[in-house]
Amino acid sequence: MADKAETKKILTSKEEIMDYAGLSKYTYAKFLKRGMPVLYFDGRCYAHKDNIDDFFKAITRVNSSNSPDAKIEGDIETNN
């Protein structure tokens, strides 16, 4: 029989999803708008851990070097 932790791949609440991904309510809402794979059904939230992982893998593949949000003072050297 499979290990219970291994079989618990389905997250069944907003809180479980936020805890799993390490998100605040505000950031959770922003990622939902960006397409984070969460199903709302009968007033509940459902997500598969693998889909959440794949979502974050995909969105973090981009090069953010030109994004003003990524430029935090002192973190990125500039040649000005």
PDB file of N, CA and C in Angstrom:
ATOM      1  N   MET A   1       0.839  -1.188   0.000  1.00  0.00           N
ATOM      2  CA  MET A   1       0.000   0.000   0.000  1.00  0.00           C
ATOM      3  C   MET A   1       0.877   1.242   0.000  1.00  0.00           C
ATOM      4  N   ALA A   2       0.434   2.266  -0.732  1.00  0.00           N
ATOM      5  CA  ALA A   2       1.218   3.491  -0.844  1.00  0.00           C
ATOM      6  C   ALA A   2       1.216   4.260   0.471  1.00  0.00           C
ATOM      7  N   ASP A   3       2.280   4.982   0.712  1.00  0.00           N
ATOM      8  CA  ASP A   3       2.404   5.816   1.886  1.00  0.00           C
ATOM      9  C   ASP A   3       1.319   6.897   1.855  1.00  0.00           C
ATOM     10  N   LYS A   4       0.701   7.184   3.003  1.00  0.00           N
ATOM     11  CA  LYS A   4      -0.389   8.164   3.054  1.00  0.00           C
ATOM     12  C   LYS A   4       0.063   9.539   2.584  1.00  0.00           C
ATOM     13  N   ALA A   5       1.269   9.958   2.939  1.00  0.00           N
ATOM     14  CA  ALA A   5       1.784  11.251   2.498  1.00  0.00           C
ATOM     15  C   ALA A   5       1.901  11.294   0.977  1.00  0.00           C
ATOM     16  N   GLU A   6       2.254  10.170   0.383  1.00  0.00           N
ATOM     17  CA  GLU A   6       2.390  10.104  -1.077  1.00  0.00           C
ATOM     18  C   GLU A   6       1.029  10.168  -1.753  1.00  0.00           C
ATOM     19  N   THR A   7       0.003   9.593  -1.134  1.00  0.00           N
ATOM     20  CA  THR A   7      -1.319   9.586  -1.744  1.00  0.00           C
ATOM     21  C   THR A   7      -2.048  10.908  -1.548  1.00  0.00           C
ATOM     22  N   LYS A   8      -1.618  11.754  -0.640  1.00  0.00           N
ATOM     23  CA  LYS A   8      -2.254  13.057  -0.388  1.00  0.00           C
ATOM     24  C   LYS A   8      -1.722  14.096  -1.367  1.00  0.00           C
ATOM     25  N   LYS A   9      -2.053  13.903  -2.619  1.00  0.00           N
ATOM     26  CA  LYS A   9      -1.613  14.829  -3.662  1.00  0.00           C
ATOM     27  C   LYS A   9      -2.632  15.932  -3.912  1.00  0.00           C
ATOM     28  N   ILE A  10      -3.876  15.727  -3.427  1.00  0.00           N
ATOM     29  CA  ILE A  10      -4.936  16.693  -3.675  1.00  0.00           C
ATOM     30  C   ILE A  10      -5.064  17.630  -2.476  1.00  0.00           C
ATOM     31  N   LEU A  11      -4.990  18.916  -2.748  1.00  0.00           N
ATOM     32  CA  LEU A  11      -5.194  19.936  -1.728  1.00  0.00           C
ATOM     33  C   LEU A  11      -6.663  20.336  -1.794  1.00  0.00           C
ATOM     34  N   THR A  12      -7.334  20.406  -0.656  1.00  0.00           N
ATOM     35  CA  THR A  12      -8.783  20.562  -0.672  1.00  0.00           C
ATOM     36  C   THR A  12      -9.290  21.838  -0.004  1.00  0.00           C
ATOM     37  N   SER A  13      -8.432  22.826   0.125  1.00  0.00           N
ATOM     38  CA  SER A  13      -8.890  24.115   0.645  1.00  0.00           C
ATOM     39  C   SER A  13      -7.903  25.199   0.220  1.00  0.00           C
ATOM     40  N   LYS A  14      -8.389  26.408   0.256  1.00  0.00           N
ATOM     41  CA  LYS A  14      -7.532  27.557  -0.051  1.00  0.00           C
ATOM     42  C   LYS A  14      -6.338  27.587   0.914  1.00  0.00           C
ATOM     43  N   GLU A  15      -6.594  27.304   2.171  1.00  0.00           N
ATOM     44  CA  GLU A  15      -5.530  27.334   3.180  1.00  0.00           C
ATOM     45  C   GLU A  15      -4.467  26.268   2.892  1.00  0.00           C
ATOM     46  N   GLU A  16      -4.902  25.059   2.512  1.00  0.00           N
ATOM     47  CA  GLU A  16      -3.930  24.008   2.175  1.00  0.00           C
ATOM     48  C   GLU A  16      -3.077  24.415   0.984  1.00  0.00           C
ATOM     49  N   ILE A  17      -3.710  25.016  -0.010  1.00  0.00           N
ATOM     50  CA  ILE A  17      -2.975  25.449  -1.204  1.00  0.00           C
ATOM     51  C   ILE A  17      -1.984  26.548  -0.836  1.00  0.00           C
ATOM     52  N   MET A  18      -2.429  27.528  -0.052  1.00  0.00           N
ATOM     53  CA  MET A  18      -1.537  28.618   0.362  1.00  0.00           C
ATOM     54  C   MET A  18      -0.377  28.088   1.196  1.00  0.00           C
ATOM     55  N   ASP A  19      -0.663  27.173   2.120  1.00  0.00           N
ATOM     56  CA  ASP A  19       0.394  26.585   2.950  1.00  0.00           C
ATOM     57  C   ASP A  19       1.386  25.811   2.093  1.00  0.00           C
ATOM     58  N   TYR A  20       0.874  25.001   1.172  1.00  0.00           N
ATOM     59  CA  TYR A  20       1.742  24.187   0.324  1.00  0.00           C
ATOM     60  C   TYR A  20       2.680  25.060  -0.505  1.00  0.00           C
ATOM     61  N   ALA A  21       2.122  26.136  -1.080  1.00  0.00           N
ATOM     62  CA  ALA A  21       2.920  27.000  -1.959  1.00  0.00           C
ATOM     63  C   ALA A  21       3.627  28.120  -1.199  1.00  0.00           C
ATOM     64  N   GLY A  22       3.343  28.272   0.081  1.00  0.00           N
ATOM     65  CA  GLY A  22       3.974  29.319   0.875  1.00  0.00           C
ATOM     66  C   GLY A  22       3.500  30.711   0.478  1.00  0.00           C
ATOM     67  N   LEU A  23       2.189  30.868   0.274  1.00  0.00           N
ATOM     68  CA  LEU A  23       1.635  32.125  -0.215  1.00  0.00           C
ATOM     69  C   LEU A  23       0.767  32.810   0.828  1.00  0.00           C
ATOM     70  N   SER A  24       0.793  34.140   0.802  1.00  0.00           N
ATOM     71  CA  SER A  24      -0.168  34.914   1.585  1.00  0.00           C
ATOM     72  C   SER A  24      -1.478  34.971   0.803  1.00  0.00           C
ATOM     73  N   LYS A  25      -2.549  35.464   1.431  1.00  0.00           N
ATOM     74  CA  LYS A  25      -3.832  35.597   0.724  1.00  0.00           C
ATOM     75  C   LYS A  25      -3.689  36.518  -0.481  1.00  0.00           C
ATOM     76  N   TYR A  26      -2.970  37.604  -0.310  1.00  0.00           N
ATOM     77  CA  TYR A  26      -2.773  38.572  -1.382  1.00  0.00           C
ATOM     78  C   TYR A  26      -2.024  37.943  -2.559  1.00  0.00           C
ATOM     79  N   THR A  27      -0.940  37.242  -2.276  1.00  0.00           N
ATOM     80  CA  THR A  27      -0.145  36.622  -3.332  1.00  0.00           C
ATOM     81  C   THR A  27      -0.904  35.469  -3.979  1.00  0.00           C
ATOM     82  N   TYR A  28      -1.652  34.726  -3.205  1.00  0.00           N
ATOM     83  CA  TYR A  28      -2.501  33.655  -3.734  1.00  0.00           C
ATOM     84  C   TYR A  28      -3.451  34.222  -4.789  1.00  0.00           C
ATOM     85  N   ALA A  29      -4.115  35.319  -4.469  1.00  0.00           N
ATOM     86  CA  ALA A  29      -5.055  35.944  -5.403  1.00  0.00           C
ATOM     87  C   ALA A  29      -4.342  36.400  -6.679  1.00  0.00           C
ATOM     88  N   LYS A  30      -3.140  36.947  -6.531  1.00  0.00           N
ATOM     89  CA  LYS A  30      -2.387  37.394  -7.715  1.00  0.00           C
ATOM     90  C   LYS A  30      -2.007  36.217  -8.606  1.00  0.00           C
ATOM     91  N   PHE A  31      -1.593  35.089  -8.005  1.00  0.00           N
ATOM     92  CA  PHE A  31      -1.232  33.919  -8.813  1.00  0.00           C
ATOM     93  C   PHE A  31      -2.460  33.279  -9.455  1.00  0.00           C
ATOM     94  N   LEU A  32      -3.618  33.341  -8.798  1.00  0.00           N
ATOM     95  CA  LEU A  32      -4.846  32.853  -9.428  1.00  0.00           C
ATOM     96  C   LEU A  32      -5.113  33.625 -10.718  1.00  0.00           C
ATOM     97  N   LYS A  33      -4.928  34.946 -10.669  1.00  0.00           N
ATOM     98  CA  LYS A  33      -5.130  35.782 -11.857  1.00  0.00           C
ATOM     99  C   LYS A  33      -4.133  35.450 -12.962  1.00  0.00           C
ATOM    100  N   ARG A  34      -2.968  34.925 -12.587  1.00  0.00           N
ATOM    101  CA  ARG A  34      -1.946  34.541 -13.564  1.00  0.00           C
ATOM    102  C   ARG A  34      -2.139  33.115 -14.060  1.00  0.00           C
ATOM    103  N   GLY A  35      -3.182  32.434 -13.564  1.00  0.00           N
ATOM    104  CA  GLY A  35      -3.502  31.113 -14.087  1.00  0.00           C
ATOM    105  C   GLY A  35      -3.125  29.925 -13.227  1.00  0.00           C
ATOM    106  N   MET A  36      -2.853  30.149 -11.933  1.00  0.00           N
ATOM    107  CA  MET A  36      -2.534  29.021 -11.069  1.00  0.00           C
ATOM    108  C   MET A  36      -3.694  28.027 -11.114  1.00  0.00           C
ATOM    109  N   PRO A  37      -3.401  26.739 -11.321  1.00  0.00           N
ATOM    110  CA  PRO A  37      -4.450  25.740 -11.527  1.00  0.00           C
ATOM    111  C   PRO A  37      -5.187  25.329 -10.246  1.00  0.00           C
ATOM    112  N   VAL A  38      -6.274  26.035  -9.981  1.00  0.00           N
ATOM    113  CA  VAL A  38      -7.111  25.751  -8.822  1.00  0.00           C
ATOM    114  C   VAL A  38      -8.549  25.638  -9.311  1.00  0.00           C
ATOM    115  N   LEU A  39      -9.239  24.589  -8.903  1.00  0.00           N
ATOM    116  CA  LEU A  39     -10.635  24.373  -9.254  1.00  0.00           C
ATOM    117  C   LEU A  39     -11.516  24.832  -8.096  1.00  0.00           C
ATOM    118  N   TYR A  40     -12.486  25.678  -8.400  1.00  0.00           N
ATOM    119  CA  TYR A  40     -13.494  26.066  -7.414  1.00  0.00           C
ATOM    120  C   TYR A  40     -14.745  25.274  -7.730  1.00  0.00           C
ATOM    121  N   PHE A  41     -15.209  24.477  -6.752  1.00  0.00           N
ATOM    122  CA  PHE A  41     -16.350  23.600  -6.970  1.00  0.00           C
ATOM    123  C   PHE A  41     -17.161  23.527  -5.679  1.00  0.00           C
ATOM    124  N   ASP A  42     -18.430  23.870  -5.753  1.00  0.00           N
ATOM    125  CA  ASP A  42     -19.317  23.853  -4.589  1.00  0.00           C
ATOM    126  C   ASP A  42     -18.738  24.622  -3.404  1.00  0.00           C
ATOM    127  N   GLY A  43     -18.159  25.769  -3.691  1.00  0.00           N
ATOM    128  CA  GLY A  43     -17.631  26.631  -2.633  1.00  0.00           C
ATOM    129  C   GLY A  43     -16.317  26.190  -2.030  1.00  0.00           C
ATOM    130  N   ARG A  44     -15.661  25.202  -2.631  1.00  0.00           N
ATOM    131  CA  ARG A  44     -14.364  24.717  -2.125  1.00  0.00           C
ATOM    132  C   ARG A  44     -13.303  24.860  -3.199  1.00  0.00           C
ATOM    133  N   CYS A  45     -12.067  24.875  -2.776  1.00  0.00           N
ATOM    134  CA  CYS A  45     -10.923  24.953  -3.686  1.00  0.00           C
ATOM    135  C   CYS A  45     -10.242  23.594  -3.739  1.00  0.00           C
ATOM    136  N   TYR A  46      -9.832  23.195  -4.935  1.00  0.00           N
ATOM    137  CA  TYR A  46      -9.106  21.942  -5.117  1.00  0.00           C
ATOM    138  C   TYR A  46      -7.920  22.188  -6.029  1.00  0.00           C
ATOM    139  N   ALA A  47      -6.812  21.560  -5.701  1.00  0.00           N
ATOM    140  CA  ALA A  47      -5.629  21.648  -6.559  1.00  0.00           C
ATOM    141  C   ALA A  47      -4.802  20.379  -6.371  1.00  0.00           C
ATOM    142  N   HIS A  48      -4.089  20.017  -7.405  1.00  0.00           N
ATOM    143  CA  HIS A  48      -3.179  18.872  -7.337  1.00  0.00           C
ATOM    144  C   HIS A  48      -1.772  19.418  -7.130  1.00  0.00           C
ATOM    145  N   LYS A  49      -1.055  18.843  -6.189  1.00  0.00           N
ATOM    146  CA  LYS A  49       0.292  19.328  -5.879  1.00  0.00           C
ATOM    147  C   LYS A  49       1.184  19.369  -7.116  1.00  0.00           C
ATOM    148  N   ASP A  50       1.114  18.349  -7.956  1.00  0.00           N
ATOM    149  CA  ASP A  50       1.951  18.326  -9.158  1.00  0.00           C
ATOM    150  C   ASP A  50       1.632  19.494 -10.080  1.00  0.00           C
ATOM    151  N   ASN A  51       0.338  19.858 -10.191  1.00  0.00           N
ATOM    152  CA  ASN A  51      -0.045  20.980 -11.041  1.00  0.00           C
ATOM    153  C   ASN A  51       0.452  22.304 -10.480  1.00  0.00           C
ATOM    154  N   ILE A  52       0.401  22.446  -9.171  1.00  0.00           N
ATOM    155  CA  ILE A  52       0.933  23.656  -8.533  1.00  0.00           C
ATOM    156  C   ILE A  52       2.437  23.741  -8.781  1.00  0.00           C
ATOM    157  N   ASP A  53       3.141  22.625  -8.598  1.00  0.00           N
ATOM    158  CA  ASP A  53       4.588  22.597  -8.851  1.00  0.00           C
ATOM    159  C   ASP A  53       4.893  22.943 -10.303  1.00  0.00           C
ATOM    160  N   ASP A  54       4.152  22.355 -11.235  1.00  0.00           N
ATOM    161  CA  ASP A  54       4.372  22.622 -12.660  1.00  0.00           C
ATOM    162  C   ASP A  54       4.106  24.085 -12.997  1.00  0.00           C
ATOM    163  N   PHE A  55       3.065  24.665 -12.398  1.00  0.00           N
ATOM    164  CA  PHE A  55       2.755  26.077 -12.612  1.00  0.00           C
ATOM    165  C   PHE A  55       3.934  26.949 -12.201  1.00  0.00           C
ATOM    166  N   PHE A  56       4.485  26.706 -11.013  1.00  0.00           N
ATOM    167  CA  PHE A  56       5.599  27.518 -10.543  1.00  0.00           C
ATOM    168  C   PHE A  56       6.872  27.261 -11.344  1.00  0.00           C
ATOM    169  N   LYS A  57       7.074  26.038 -11.802  1.00  0.00           N
ATOM    170  CA  LYS A  57       8.214  25.757 -12.675  1.00  0.00           C
ATOM    171  C   LYS A  57       8.105  26.577 -13.952  1.00  0.00           C
ATOM    172  N   ALA A  58       6.913  26.617 -14.524  1.00  0.00           N
ATOM    173  CA  ALA A  58       6.700  27.329 -15.790  1.00  0.00           C
ATOM    174  C   ALA A  58       6.857  28.841 -15.631  1.00  0.00           C
ATOM    175  N   ILE A  59       6.253  29.416 -14.600  1.00  0.00           N
ATOM    176  CA  ILE A  59       6.301  30.871 -14.489  1.00  0.00           C
ATOM    177  C   ILE A  59       7.652  31.394 -14.019  1.00  0.00           C
ATOM    178  N   THR A  60       8.459  30.535 -13.424  1.00  0.00           N
ATOM    179  CA  THR A  60       9.775  30.994 -12.971  1.00  0.00           C
ATOM    180  C   THR A  60      10.866  30.740 -14.002  1.00  0.00           C
ATOM    181  N   ARG A  61      10.493  30.251 -15.182  1.00  0.00           N
ATOM    182  CA  ARG A  61      11.476  30.055 -16.247  1.00  0.00           C
ATOM    183  C   ARG A  61      11.793  31.339 -16.997  1.00  0.00           C
ATOM    184  N   VAL A  62      11.040  32.392 -16.765  1.00  0.00           N
ATOM    185  CA  VAL A  62      11.218  33.637 -17.502  1.00  0.00           C
ATOM    186  C   VAL A  62      12.415  34.415 -16.976  1.00  0.00           C
ATOM    187  N   ASN A  63      12.955  35.261 -17.823  1.00  0.00           N
ATOM    188  CA  ASN A  63      14.055  36.139 -17.434  1.00  0.00           C
ATOM    189  C   ASN A  63      13.443  37.447 -16.952  1.00  0.00           C
ATOM    190  N   SER A  64      13.559  37.730 -15.689  1.00  0.00           N
ATOM    191  CA  SER A  64      12.957  38.933 -15.113  1.00  0.00           C
ATOM    192  C   SER A  64      13.936  40.096 -15.006  1.00  0.00           C
ATOM    193  N   SER A  65      15.067  40.025 -15.671  1.00  0.00           N
ATOM    194  CA  SER A  65      16.075  41.068 -15.523  1.00  0.00           C
ATOM    195  C   SER A  65      15.600  42.434 -15.995  1.00  0.00           C
ATOM    196  N   ASN A  66      14.616  42.471 -16.889  1.00  0.00           N
ATOM    197  CA  ASN A  66      14.112  43.760 -17.357  1.00  0.00           C
ATOM    198  C   ASN A  66      12.844  44.194 -16.645  1.00  0.00           C
ATOM    199  N   SER A  67      12.397  43.434 -15.690  1.00  0.00           N
ATOM    200  CA  SER A  67      11.181  43.764 -14.955  1.00  0.00           C
ATOM    201  C   SER A  67      11.495  44.760 -13.844  1.00  0.00           C
ATOM    202  N   PRO A  68      10.777  45.893 -13.820  1.00  0.00           N
ATOM    203  CA  PRO A  68      11.052  46.875 -12.749  1.00  0.00           C
ATOM    204  C   PRO A  68      10.784  46.302 -11.363  1.00  0.00           C
ATOM    205  N   ASP A  69       9.858  45.346 -11.239  1.00  0.00           N
ATOM    206  CA  ASP A  69       9.582  44.738  -9.936  1.00  0.00           C
ATOM    207  C   ASP A  69      10.747  43.897  -9.438  1.00  0.00           C
ATOM    208  N   ALA A  70      11.568  43.386 -10.356  1.00  0.00           N
ATOM    209  CA  ALA A  70      12.687  42.527  -9.976  1.00  0.00           C
ATOM    210  C   ALA A  70      13.886  43.341  -9.515  1.00  0.00           C
ATOM    211  N   LYS A  71      13.900  44.608  -9.845  1.00  0.00           N
ATOM    212  CA  LYS A  71      15.049  45.456  -9.506  1.00  0.00           C
ATOM    213  C   LYS A  71      14.862  46.082  -8.133  1.00  0.00           C
ATOM    214  N   ILE A  72      15.425  45.448  -7.163  1.00  0.00           N
ATOM    215  CA  ILE A  72      15.378  45.942  -5.794  1.00  0.00           C
ATOM    216  C   ILE A  72      16.706  46.624  -5.524  1.00  0.00           C
ATOM    217  N   GLU A  73      16.630  47.813  -5.007  1.00  0.00           N
ATOM    218  CA  GLU A  73      17.832  48.617  -4.791  1.00  0.00           C
ATOM    219  C   GLU A  73      18.920  47.808  -4.086  1.00  0.00           C
ATOM    220  N   GLY A  74      20.088  47.786  -4.663  1.00  0.00           N
ATOM    221  CA  GLY A  74      21.219  47.088  -4.081  1.00  0.00           C
ATOM    222  C   GLY A  74      21.335  45.642  -4.498  1.00  0.00           C
ATOM    223  N   ASP A  75      20.288  45.064  -5.095  1.00  0.00           N
ATOM    224  CA  ASP A  75      20.324  43.656  -5.492  1.00  0.00           C
ATOM    225  C   ASP A  75      20.903  43.449  -6.888  1.00  0.00           C
ATOM    226  N   ILE A  76      20.700  44.423  -7.776  1.00  0.00           N
ATOM    227  CA  ILE A  76      21.137  44.260  -9.153  1.00  0.00           C
ATOM    228  C   ILE A  76      22.082  45.397  -9.504  1.00  0.00           C
ATOM    229  N   GLU A  77      23.252  45.028  -9.965  1.00  0.00           N
ATOM    230  CA  GLU A  77      24.209  46.046 -10.368  1.00  0.00           C
ATOM    231  C   GLU A  77      23.817  46.616 -11.724  1.00  0.00           C
ATOM    232  N   THR A  78      23.999  47.917 -11.882  1.00  0.00           N
ATOM    233  CA  THR A  78      23.718  48.562 -13.165  1.00  0.00           C
ATOM    234  C   THR A  78      24.969  49.292 -13.619  1.00  0.00           C
ATOM    235  N   ASN A  79      25.057  49.523 -14.904  1.00  0.00           N
ATOM    236  CA  ASN A  79      26.189  50.225 -15.488  1.00  0.00           C
ATOM    237  C   ASN A  79      25.774  51.649 -15.852  1.00  0.00           C
ATOM    238  N   ASN A  80      25.217  52.391 -14.914  1.00  0.00           N
ATOM    239  CA  ASN A  80      24.808  53.775 -15.167  1.00  0.00           C
ATOM    240  C   ASN A  80      25.912  54.724 -14.903  1.00  0.00           C
TER     241      ASN A  80
END
